[in-house]
Amino acid sequence: MLGLGVNRLNVTNNSDSFSPTSLFVGGFKGAWYDMSDITTLFKVDGTTPAVVGQAVGKILDRSGNGQHLIQTTESKCPILVVDADGNLCLDFDGTDGLRTAGNLPFATNSITDMSVFVGAKKEATGLNQTIVELSNSVGGTTGGFRVFCTSGELWRAIQKGTSANNISTTSVGNPNKSILTSIASISAPSHTFRRNGSVVSSNTSSLGTGTYGNHPLSIGGRAGGVSAQLDGKIYSLIIVGKLASADEIASAEKYVAGKTGVTI
């Protein structure tokens, strides 16, 4: 059975010295999902352990915040697979998506800073594809974020208080496997978007006012798979309501890259 620190069959991950749990020390809110740890993945009933080649309907949050992802409709569940590089991941077919049962309590805790790290692969062109989104539609709410691929083949991060701050990469080919990092602050306006360990762009443009909201979190599709679904794969995801330090960014990116099979 595969577990923490192992994301390829019988191969130990090279980032074992860092654990994402360190990002949450002190009670920071957020979530951590690790598709390489099969003990945290379950079938659509939420209790039967996941099996490679079959649908996954529940993913446990490893951060300690209890923000588990669920999908109760089997036809909208991604499939647990081992990719061509030997990495465990969830395979989304363009109709899937999972969402937290409740809201992440960012507004309740007056959170104005956010750090997002995700390893993902897009496998289709010309589609608006959601990797991860806080809120059911970031454009129509306040205090959310979204990391996705545009129909124009750009990786894009949106961070938002009452106003949106968008950063996009240049066009990327298909398929494309990447480590994507979005670090932002509403109160001290800033947003940095990184891909594969390097800065795409950084600015201090306004994100408006307020805090991040009490919203559900979705992966693989908007609002848990209602629209803008991913045709591709997700490997690892870390979300924490703070501005990660330079050392934390480097360690988290290395960790996610090891789970995804990307060298940075």
C-alpha atoms as a PDB file:
ATOM      1  CA  MET A   1       0.000   0.000   0.000  1.00  0.00           C
ATOM      2  CA  LEU A   2       1.257   3.468  -0.871  1.00  0.00           C
ATOM      3  CA  GLY A   3       1.434   6.121   1.818  1.00  0.00           C
ATOM      4  CA  LEU A   4       3.101   9.353   2.838  1.00  0.00           C
ATOM      5  CA  GLY A   5       6.427   9.894   1.110  1.00  0.00           C
ATOM      6  CA  VAL A   6       5.755   7.367  -1.653  1.00  0.00           C
ATOM      7  CA  ASN A   7       4.198   8.485  -4.894  1.00  0.00           C
ATOM      8  CA  ARG A   8       5.713   6.046  -7.330  1.00  0.00           C
ATOM      9  CA  LEU A   9       5.559   2.297  -7.052  1.00  0.00           C
ATOM     10  CA  ASN A  10       8.310   1.342  -4.585  1.00  0.00           C
ATOM     11  CA  VAL A  11      10.087   4.713  -4.965  1.00  0.00           C
ATOM     12  CA  THR A  12      10.554   7.021  -1.973  1.00  0.00           C
ATOM     13  CA  ASN A  13       9.770  10.681  -2.612  1.00  0.00           C
ATOM     14  CA  ASN A  14      12.773  13.015  -2.538  1.00  0.00           C
ATOM     15  CA  SER A  15      11.008  15.626  -0.378  1.00  0.00           C
ATOM     16  CA  ASP A  16      10.487  13.478   2.729  1.00  0.00           C
ATOM     17  CA  SER A  17      12.330  15.970   4.947  1.00  0.00           C
ATOM     18  CA  PHE A  18       9.484  18.479   4.525  1.00  0.00           C
ATOM     19  CA  SER A  19       5.908  17.849   5.568  1.00  0.00           C
ATOM     20  CA  PRO A  20       3.081  20.239   4.653  1.00  0.00           C
ATOM     21  CA  THR A  21       1.825  19.869   8.234  1.00  0.00           C
ATOM     22  CA  SER A  22       4.463  22.457   9.176  1.00  0.00           C
ATOM     23  CA  LEU A  23       2.529  25.087   7.198  1.00  0.00           C
ATOM     24  CA  PHE A  24      -0.458  24.717   9.518  1.00  0.00           C
ATOM     25  CA  VAL A  25       1.406  24.885  12.840  1.00  0.00           C
ATOM     26  CA  GLY A  26      -0.148  27.640  14.932  1.00  0.00           C
ATOM     27  CA  GLY A  27      -3.684  26.891  13.789  1.00  0.00           C
ATOM     28  CA  PHE A  28      -3.535  28.225  10.232  1.00  0.00           C
ATOM     29  CA  LYS A  29      -6.671  27.404   8.240  1.00  0.00           C
ATOM     30  CA  GLY A  30      -6.667  25.627   4.901  1.00  0.00           C
ATOM     31  CA  ALA A  31      -6.413  22.122   3.492  1.00  0.00           C
ATOM     32  CA  TRP A  32      -3.909  19.579   2.148  1.00  0.00           C
ATOM     33  CA  TYR A  33      -4.775  16.765  -0.246  1.00  0.00           C
ATOM     34  CA  ASP A  34      -2.197  14.185  -1.299  1.00  0.00           C
ATOM     35  CA  MET A  35      -3.293  11.778  -4.030  1.00  0.00           C
ATOM     36  CA  SER A  36      -0.128   9.704  -3.501  1.00  0.00           C
ATOM     37  CA  ASP A  37      -1.402   8.665  -0.049  1.00  0.00           C
ATOM     38  CA  ILE A  38      -3.967   6.052  -1.002  1.00  0.00           C
ATOM     39  CA  THR A  39      -5.017   5.682   2.648  1.00  0.00           C
ATOM     40  CA  THR A  40      -6.741   9.091   2.369  1.00  0.00           C
ATOM     41  CA  LEU A  41      -8.768   8.168  -0.722  1.00  0.00           C
ATOM     42  CA  PHE A  42     -12.152   6.420  -0.715  1.00  0.00           C
ATOM     43  CA  LYS A  43     -14.809   5.249  -3.132  1.00  0.00           C
ATOM     44  CA  VAL A  44     -18.063   7.123  -3.658  1.00  0.00           C
ATOM     45  CA  ASP A  45     -19.622   5.657  -0.475  1.00  0.00           C
ATOM     46  CA  GLY A  46     -16.978   7.544   1.516  1.00  0.00           C
ATOM     47  CA  THR A  47     -15.904   4.511   3.564  1.00  0.00           C
ATOM     48  CA  THR A  48     -14.537   1.870   1.167  1.00  0.00           C
ATOM     49  CA  PRO A  49     -10.802   2.349   0.452  1.00  0.00           C
ATOM     50  CA  ALA A  50      -9.986   3.547  -3.057  1.00  0.00           C
ATOM     51  CA  VAL A  51      -8.529   1.172  -5.638  1.00  0.00           C
ATOM     52  CA  VAL A  52      -6.361   2.062  -8.616  1.00  0.00           C
ATOM     53  CA  GLY A  53      -8.493   2.058 -11.739  1.00  0.00           C
ATOM     54  CA  GLN A  54     -11.727   2.937  -9.936  1.00  0.00           C
ATOM     55  CA  ALA A  55     -13.644   6.088  -8.985  1.00  0.00           C
ATOM     56  CA  VAL A  56     -12.706   8.233  -5.974  1.00  0.00           C
ATOM     57  CA  GLY A  57     -15.553   9.975  -4.126  1.00  0.00           C
ATOM     58  CA  LYS A  58     -13.813  11.199  -0.982  1.00  0.00           C
ATOM     59  CA  ILE A  59     -10.382  12.690  -0.235  1.00  0.00           C
ATOM     60  CA  LEU A  60      -9.332  13.301   3.345  1.00  0.00           C
ATOM     61  CA  ASP A  61      -7.815  16.638   4.299  1.00  0.00           C
ATOM     62  CA  ARG A  62      -4.394  15.967   5.854  1.00  0.00           C
ATOM     63  CA  SER A  63      -3.968  19.481   7.302  1.00  0.00           C
ATOM     64  CA  GLY A  64      -5.951  18.730  10.437  1.00  0.00           C
ATOM     65  CA  ASN A  65      -8.687  21.196   9.470  1.00  0.00           C
ATOM     66  CA  GLY A  66     -11.197  18.508   8.479  1.00  0.00           C
ATOM     67  CA  GLN A  67     -11.965  19.941   5.040  1.00  0.00           C
ATOM     68  CA  HIS A  68     -12.554  16.657   3.215  1.00  0.00           C
ATOM     69  CA  LEU A  69     -13.511  16.673  -0.472  1.00  0.00           C
ATOM     70  CA  ILE A  70     -16.507  14.615  -1.578  1.00  0.00           C
ATOM     71  CA  GLN A  71     -18.491  13.631  -4.657  1.00  0.00           C
ATOM     72  CA  THR A  72     -21.578  11.440  -4.194  1.00  0.00           C
ATOM     73  CA  THR A  73     -22.399  10.909  -7.886  1.00  0.00           C
ATOM     74  CA  GLU A  74     -20.151   8.159  -9.212  1.00  0.00           C
ATOM     75  CA  SER A  75     -20.310   9.349 -12.832  1.00  0.00           C
ATOM     76  CA  LYS A  76     -18.753  12.652 -11.687  1.00  0.00           C
ATOM     77  CA  CYS A  77     -15.916  11.052  -9.710  1.00  0.00           C
ATOM     78  CA  PRO A  78     -12.341  11.060 -11.024  1.00  0.00           C
ATOM     79  CA  ILE A  79     -10.435   7.797 -11.399  1.00  0.00           C
ATOM     80  CA  LEU A  80      -7.389   6.898  -9.334  1.00  0.00           C
ATOM     81  CA  VAL A  81      -4.583   6.057 -11.770  1.00  0.00           C
ATOM     82  CA  VAL A  82      -0.829   5.644 -11.993  1.00  0.00           C
ATOM     83  CA  ASP A  83       0.334   7.962 -14.760  1.00  0.00           C
ATOM     84  CA  ALA A  84       2.914   7.229 -17.459  1.00  0.00           C
ATOM     85  CA  ASP A  85       5.676   8.477 -15.140  1.00  0.00           C
ATOM     86  CA  GLY A  86       4.614   6.162 -12.306  1.00  0.00           C
ATOM     87  CA  ASN A  87       2.855   8.799 -10.163  1.00  0.00           C
ATOM     88  CA  LEU A  88      -0.440   8.214  -8.372  1.00  0.00           C
ATOM     89  CA  CYS A  89      -3.010  10.881  -9.267  1.00  0.00           C
ATOM     90  CA  LEU A  90      -6.677  11.553  -9.937  1.00  0.00           C
ATOM     91  CA  ASP A  91      -7.720  11.450 -13.582  1.00  0.00           C
ATOM     92  CA  PHE A  92     -10.555  13.844 -14.463  1.00  0.00           C
ATOM     93  CA  ASP A  93     -12.355  13.261 -17.779  1.00  0.00           C
ATOM     94  CA  GLY A  94     -13.985  16.653 -18.302  1.00  0.00           C
ATOM     95  CA  THR A  95     -17.210  15.783 -16.453  1.00  0.00           C
ATOM     96  CA  ASP A  96     -15.930  15.371 -12.877  1.00  0.00           C
ATOM     97  CA  GLY A  97     -15.340  17.421  -9.744  1.00  0.00           C
ATOM     98  CA  LEU A  98     -15.222  17.257  -5.939  1.00  0.00           C
ATOM     99  CA  ARG A  99     -16.130  19.856  -3.318  1.00  0.00           C
ATOM    100  CA  THR A 100     -15.916  20.285   0.444  1.00  0.00           C
ATOM    101  CA  ALA A 101     -19.133  19.539   2.284  1.00  0.00           C
ATOM    102  CA  GLY A 102     -18.929  22.863   4.104  1.00  0.00           C
ATOM    103  CA  ASN A 103     -17.192  26.216   3.837  1.00  0.00           C
ATOM    104  CA  LEU A 104     -13.577  26.904   4.702  1.00  0.00           C
ATOM    105  CA  PRO A 105     -13.732  29.411   7.603  1.00  0.00           C
ATOM    106  CA  PHE A 106     -11.486  32.132   6.235  1.00  0.00           C
ATOM    107  CA  ALA A 107     -13.845  35.059   6.879  1.00  0.00           C
ATOM    108  CA  THR A 108     -14.631  33.723  10.358  1.00  0.00           C
ATOM    109  CA  ASN A 109     -10.914  33.921  11.127  1.00  0.00           C
ATOM    110  CA  SER A 110     -10.322  37.248   9.333  1.00  0.00           C
ATOM    111  CA  ILE A 111      -7.887  35.715   6.836  1.00  0.00           C
ATOM    112  CA  THR A 112      -6.509  38.207   4.306  1.00  0.00           C
ATOM    113  CA  ASP A 113      -3.515  36.193   3.023  1.00  0.00           C
ATOM    114  CA  MET A 114      -3.463  33.025   0.905  1.00  0.00           C
ATOM    115  CA  SER A 115      -0.912  30.518  -0.405  1.00  0.00           C
ATOM    116  CA  VAL A 116      -1.899  27.840  -2.945  1.00  0.00           C
ATOM    117  CA  PHE A 117       0.350  25.057  -4.265  1.00  0.00           C
ATOM    118  CA  VAL A 118      -0.911  22.487  -6.783  1.00  0.00           C
ATOM    119  CA  GLY A 119       0.502  19.898  -9.154  1.00  0.00           C
ATOM    120  CA  ALA A 120      -1.729  19.345 -12.184  1.00  0.00           C
ATOM    121  CA  LYS A 121      -1.757  18.291 -15.815  1.00  0.00           C
ATOM    122  CA  LYS A 122      -4.072  19.463 -18.562  1.00  0.00           C
ATOM    123  CA  GLU A 123      -4.751  16.998 -21.372  1.00  0.00           C
ATOM    124  CA  ALA A 124      -7.223  18.859 -23.609  1.00  0.00           C
ATOM    125  CA  THR A 125      -7.120  22.083 -25.602  1.00  0.00           C
ATOM    126  CA  GLY A 126      -9.567  24.948 -26.055  1.00  0.00           C
ATOM    127  CA  LEU A 127     -11.314  24.448 -22.721  1.00  0.00           C
ATOM    128  CA  ASN A 128     -11.770  26.558 -19.592  1.00  0.00           C
ATOM    129  CA  GLN A 129     -10.553  23.997 -17.023  1.00  0.00           C
ATOM    130  CA  THR A 130     -10.707  24.431 -13.247  1.00  0.00           C
ATOM    131  CA  ILE A 131      -7.919  22.974 -11.130  1.00  0.00           C
ATOM    132  CA  VAL A 132      -8.975  24.466  -7.780  1.00  0.00           C
ATOM    133  CA  GLU A 133     -11.420  27.197  -6.777  1.00  0.00           C
ATOM    134  CA  LEU A 134     -12.481  28.762  -3.479  1.00  0.00           C
ATOM    135  CA  SER A 135     -16.182  29.692  -3.984  1.00  0.00           C
ATOM    136  CA  ASN A 136     -18.627  28.307  -6.512  1.00  0.00           C
ATOM    137  CA  SER A 137     -17.751  31.092  -8.961  1.00  0.00           C
ATOM    138  CA  VAL A 138     -14.937  33.455  -8.025  1.00  0.00           C
ATOM    139  CA  GLY A 139     -16.113  36.142 -10.440  1.00  0.00           C
ATOM    140  CA  GLY A 140     -19.451  36.503  -8.696  1.00  0.00           C
ATOM    141  CA  THR A 141     -18.276  36.402  -5.077  1.00  0.00           C
ATOM    142  CA  THR A 142     -15.826  38.217  -2.821  1.00  0.00           C
ATOM    143  CA  GLY A 143     -12.842  36.704  -1.056  1.00  0.00           C
ATOM    144  CA  GLY A 144     -12.017  33.773  -3.334  1.00  0.00           C
ATOM    145  CA  PHE A 145      -9.361  32.363  -5.634  1.00  0.00           C
ATOM    146  CA  ARG A 146      -9.102  30.161  -8.694  1.00  0.00           C
ATOM    147  CA  VAL A 147      -6.235  28.357 -10.448  1.00  0.00           C
ATOM    148  CA  PHE A 148      -7.172  27.090 -13.909  1.00  0.00           C
ATOM    149  CA  CYS A 149      -6.343  26.783 -17.594  1.00  0.00           C
ATOM    150  CA  THR A 150      -8.030  29.175 -19.985  1.00  0.00           C
ATOM    151  CA  SER A 151      -9.481  28.198 -23.362  1.00  0.00           C
ATOM    152  CA  GLY A 152      -6.507  30.088 -24.816  1.00  0.00           C
ATOM    153  CA  GLU A 153      -4.070  27.579 -23.223  1.00  0.00           C
ATOM    154  CA  LEU A 154      -2.858  29.848 -20.411  1.00  0.00           C
ATOM    155  CA  TRP A 155      -2.378  28.783 -16.800  1.00  0.00           C
ATOM    156  CA  ARG A 156      -4.093  31.528 -14.779  1.00  0.00           C
ATOM    157  CA  ALA A 157      -4.425  32.423 -11.097  1.00  0.00           C
ATOM    158  CA  ILE A 158      -7.132  34.750  -9.788  1.00  0.00           C
ATOM    159  CA  GLN A 159      -6.990  36.059  -6.221  1.00  0.00           C
ATOM    160  CA  LYS A 160      -9.807  38.302  -5.074  1.00  0.00           C
ATOM    161  CA  GLY A 161     -11.140  40.401  -2.227  1.00  0.00           C
ATOM    162  CA  THR A 162     -13.786  42.714  -3.650  1.00  0.00           C
ATOM    163  CA  SER A 163     -11.630  43.093  -6.791  1.00  0.00           C
ATOM    164  CA  ALA A 164      -9.844  40.456  -8.858  1.00  0.00           C
ATOM    165  CA  ASN A 165      -6.087  40.274  -9.380  1.00  0.00           C
ATOM    166  CA  ASN A 166      -5.276  38.031 -12.360  1.00  0.00           C
ATOM    167  CA  ILE A 167      -1.927  36.669 -13.514  1.00  0.00           C
ATOM    168  CA  SER A 168      -1.457  34.342 -16.499  1.00  0.00           C
ATOM    169  CA  THR A 169       1.439  32.406 -17.987  1.00  0.00           C
ATOM    170  CA  THR A 170       2.267  32.528 -21.660  1.00  0.00           C
ATOM    171  CA  SER A 171       0.577  29.858 -23.749  1.00  0.00           C
ATOM    172  CA  VAL A 172       1.487  26.303 -22.741  1.00  0.00           C
ATOM    173  CA  GLY A 173       1.378  23.220 -24.921  1.00  0.00           C
ATOM    174  CA  ASN A 174      -0.848  20.212 -24.499  1.00  0.00           C
ATOM    175  CA  PRO A 175      -0.506  18.005 -22.565  1.00  0.00           C
ATOM    176  CA  ASN A 176       1.146  20.133 -19.907  1.00  0.00           C
ATOM    177  CA  LYS A 177       2.147  19.056 -16.398  1.00  0.00           C
ATOM    178  CA  SER A 178       3.021  21.929 -14.038  1.00  0.00           C
ATOM    179  CA  ILE A 179       3.555  22.979 -10.439  1.00  0.00           C
ATOM    180  CA  LEU A 180       1.458  26.129  -9.940  1.00  0.00           C
ATOM    181  CA  THR A 181       1.831  28.472  -6.958  1.00  0.00           C
ATOM    182  CA  SER A 182      -0.323  31.519  -6.177  1.00  0.00           C
ATOM    183  CA  ILE A 183       0.575  33.687  -3.170  1.00  0.00           C
ATOM    184  CA  ALA A 184      -1.567  36.748  -2.390  1.00  0.00           C
ATOM    185  CA  SER A 185      -2.614  39.308   0.200  1.00  0.00           C
ATOM    186  CA  ILE A 186      -5.771  41.391   0.224  1.00  0.00           C
ATOM    187  CA  SER A 187      -4.806  43.682   3.120  1.00  0.00           C
ATOM    188  CA  ALA A 188      -1.262  44.462   1.894  1.00  0.00           C
ATOM    189  CA  PRO A 189      -1.996  44.121  -1.814  1.00  0.00           C
ATOM    190  CA  SER A 190       0.209  41.648  -3.639  1.00  0.00           C
ATOM    191  CA  HIS A 191      -0.051  38.609  -5.866  1.00  0.00           C
ATOM    192  CA  THR A 192       2.733  36.353  -7.100  1.00  0.00           C
ATOM    193  CA  PHE A 193       2.121  33.511  -9.549  1.00  0.00           C
ATOM    194  CA  ARG A 194       4.811  30.875 -10.021  1.00  0.00           C
ATOM    195  CA  ARG A 195       5.163  27.916 -12.374  1.00  0.00           C
ATOM    196  CA  ASN A 196       7.656  25.090 -11.871  1.00  0.00           C
ATOM    197  CA  GLY A 197       9.608  26.989  -9.252  1.00  0.00           C
ATOM    198  CA  SER A 198       9.970  30.269 -11.156  1.00  0.00           C
ATOM    199  CA  VAL A 199       8.015  33.528 -10.922  1.00  0.00           C
ATOM    200  CA  VAL A 200       5.621  34.096 -13.829  1.00  0.00           C
ATOM    201  CA  SER A 201       4.707  37.575 -12.607  1.00  0.00           C
ATOM    202  CA  SER A 202       4.283  39.509  -9.375  1.00  0.00           C
ATOM    203  CA  ASN A 203       2.413  42.733  -8.618  1.00  0.00           C
ATOM    204  CA  THR A 204       1.033  44.917  -5.853  1.00  0.00           C
ATOM    205  CA  SER A 205      -2.229  45.761  -7.596  1.00  0.00           C
ATOM    206  CA  SER A 206      -5.332  45.982  -5.434  1.00  0.00           C
ATOM    207  CA  LEU A 207      -7.427  42.933  -4.571  1.00  0.00           C
ATOM    208  CA  GLY A 208     -10.074  45.243  -3.160  1.00  0.00           C
ATOM    209  CA  THR A 209     -11.004  45.023   0.496  1.00  0.00           C
ATOM    210  CA  GLY A 210     -12.235  42.543   3.069  1.00  0.00           C
ATOM    211  CA  THR A 211     -11.093  38.995   3.819  1.00  0.00           C
ATOM    212  CA  TYR A 212     -11.160  35.667   2.064  1.00  0.00           C
ATOM    213  CA  GLY A 213     -14.682  34.335   2.370  1.00  0.00           C
ATOM    214  CA  ASN A 214     -16.338  31.365   4.020  1.00  0.00           C
ATOM    215  CA  HIS A 215     -16.704  29.425   0.762  1.00  0.00           C
ATOM    216  CA  PRO A 216     -16.614  25.790  -0.351  1.00  0.00           C
ATOM    217  CA  LEU A 217     -13.473  24.529  -2.084  1.00  0.00           C
ATOM    218  CA  SER A 218     -13.710  22.627  -5.378  1.00  0.00           C
ATOM    219  CA  ILE A 219     -11.169  20.707  -7.424  1.00  0.00           C
ATOM    220  CA  GLY A 220     -11.422  19.426 -10.987  1.00  0.00           C
ATOM    221  CA  GLY A 221     -14.493  21.501 -11.819  1.00  0.00           C
ATOM    222  CA  ARG A 222     -16.371  24.609 -10.793  1.00  0.00           C
ATOM    223  CA  ALA A 223     -18.850  24.118  -7.916  1.00  0.00           C
ATOM    224  CA  GLY A 224     -17.834  20.497  -7.498  1.00  0.00           C
ATOM    225  CA  GLY A 225     -18.100  19.621 -11.180  1.00  0.00           C
ATOM    226  CA  VAL A 226     -21.016  21.707 -12.434  1.00  0.00           C
ATOM    227  CA  SER A 227     -18.979  23.455 -15.145  1.00  0.00           C
ATOM    228  CA  ALA A 228     -15.446  24.296 -16.369  1.00  0.00           C
ATOM    229  CA  GLN A 229     -14.316  20.749 -15.615  1.00  0.00           C
ATOM    230  CA  LEU A 230     -10.731  19.573 -15.959  1.00  0.00           C
ATOM    231  CA  ASP A 231      -9.714  17.093 -18.621  1.00  0.00           C
ATOM    232  CA  GLY A 232      -6.462  16.075 -16.993  1.00  0.00           C
ATOM    233  CA  LYS A 233      -4.900  15.075 -13.687  1.00  0.00           C
ATOM    234  CA  ILE A 234      -4.360  16.437 -10.170  1.00  0.00           C
ATOM    235  CA  TYR A 235      -1.511  15.122  -8.009  1.00  0.00           C
ATOM    236  CA  SER A 236      -1.203  17.220  -4.845  1.00  0.00           C
ATOM    237  CA  LEU A 237      -2.799  20.373  -3.428  1.00  0.00           C
ATOM    238  CA  ILE A 238      -1.918  22.573  -0.441  1.00  0.00           C
ATOM    239  CA  ILE A 239      -3.915  25.659   0.590  1.00  0.00           C
ATOM    240  CA  VAL A 240      -3.043  27.708   3.658  1.00  0.00           C
ATOM    241  CA  GLY A 241      -4.423  31.037   4.825  1.00  0.00           C
ATOM    242  CA  LYS A 242      -1.140  32.893   5.237  1.00  0.00           C
ATOM    243  CA  LEU A 243       1.697  34.372   3.190  1.00  0.00           C
ATOM    244  CA  ALA A 244       4.186  31.519   2.913  1.00  0.00           C
ATOM    245  CA  SER A 245       7.815  32.525   3.466  1.00  0.00           C
ATOM    246  CA  ALA A 246      10.453  32.095   0.769  1.00  0.00           C
ATOM    247  CA  ASP A 247      11.706  28.919   2.477  1.00  0.00           C
ATOM    248  CA  GLU A 248       8.173  27.560   2.820  1.00  0.00           C
ATOM    249  CA  ILE A 249       7.456  28.272  -0.853  1.00  0.00           C
ATOM    250  CA  ALA A 250      10.609  26.454  -1.958  1.00  0.00           C
ATOM    251  CA  SER A 251       9.897  23.463   0.292  1.00  0.00           C
ATOM    252  CA  ALA A 252       6.201  23.209  -0.642  1.00  0.00           C
ATOM    253  CA  GLU A 253       6.967  23.456  -4.354  1.00  0.00           C
ATOM    254  CA  LYS A 254       9.622  20.759  -4.069  1.00  0.00           C
ATOM    255  CA  TYR A 255       7.165  18.562  -2.181  1.00  0.00           C
ATOM    256  CA  VAL A 256       4.387  18.989  -4.747  1.00  0.00           C
ATOM    257  CA  ALA A 257       6.860  18.552  -7.619  1.00  0.00           C
ATOM    258  CA  GLY A 258       8.009  15.249  -6.143  1.00  0.00           C
ATOM    259  CA  LYS A 259       4.423  14.018  -5.992  1.00  0.00           C
ATOM    260  CA  THR A 260       3.726  15.202  -9.541  1.00  0.00           C
ATOM    261  CA  GLY A 261       6.863  13.991 -11.273  1.00  0.00           C
ATOM    262  CA  VAL A 262       8.178  17.451 -12.207  1.00  0.00           C
ATOM    263  CA  THR A 263      11.782  18.548 -11.697  1.00  0.00           C
ATOM    264  CA  ILE A 264      12.236  22.091 -10.368  1.00  0.00           C
END
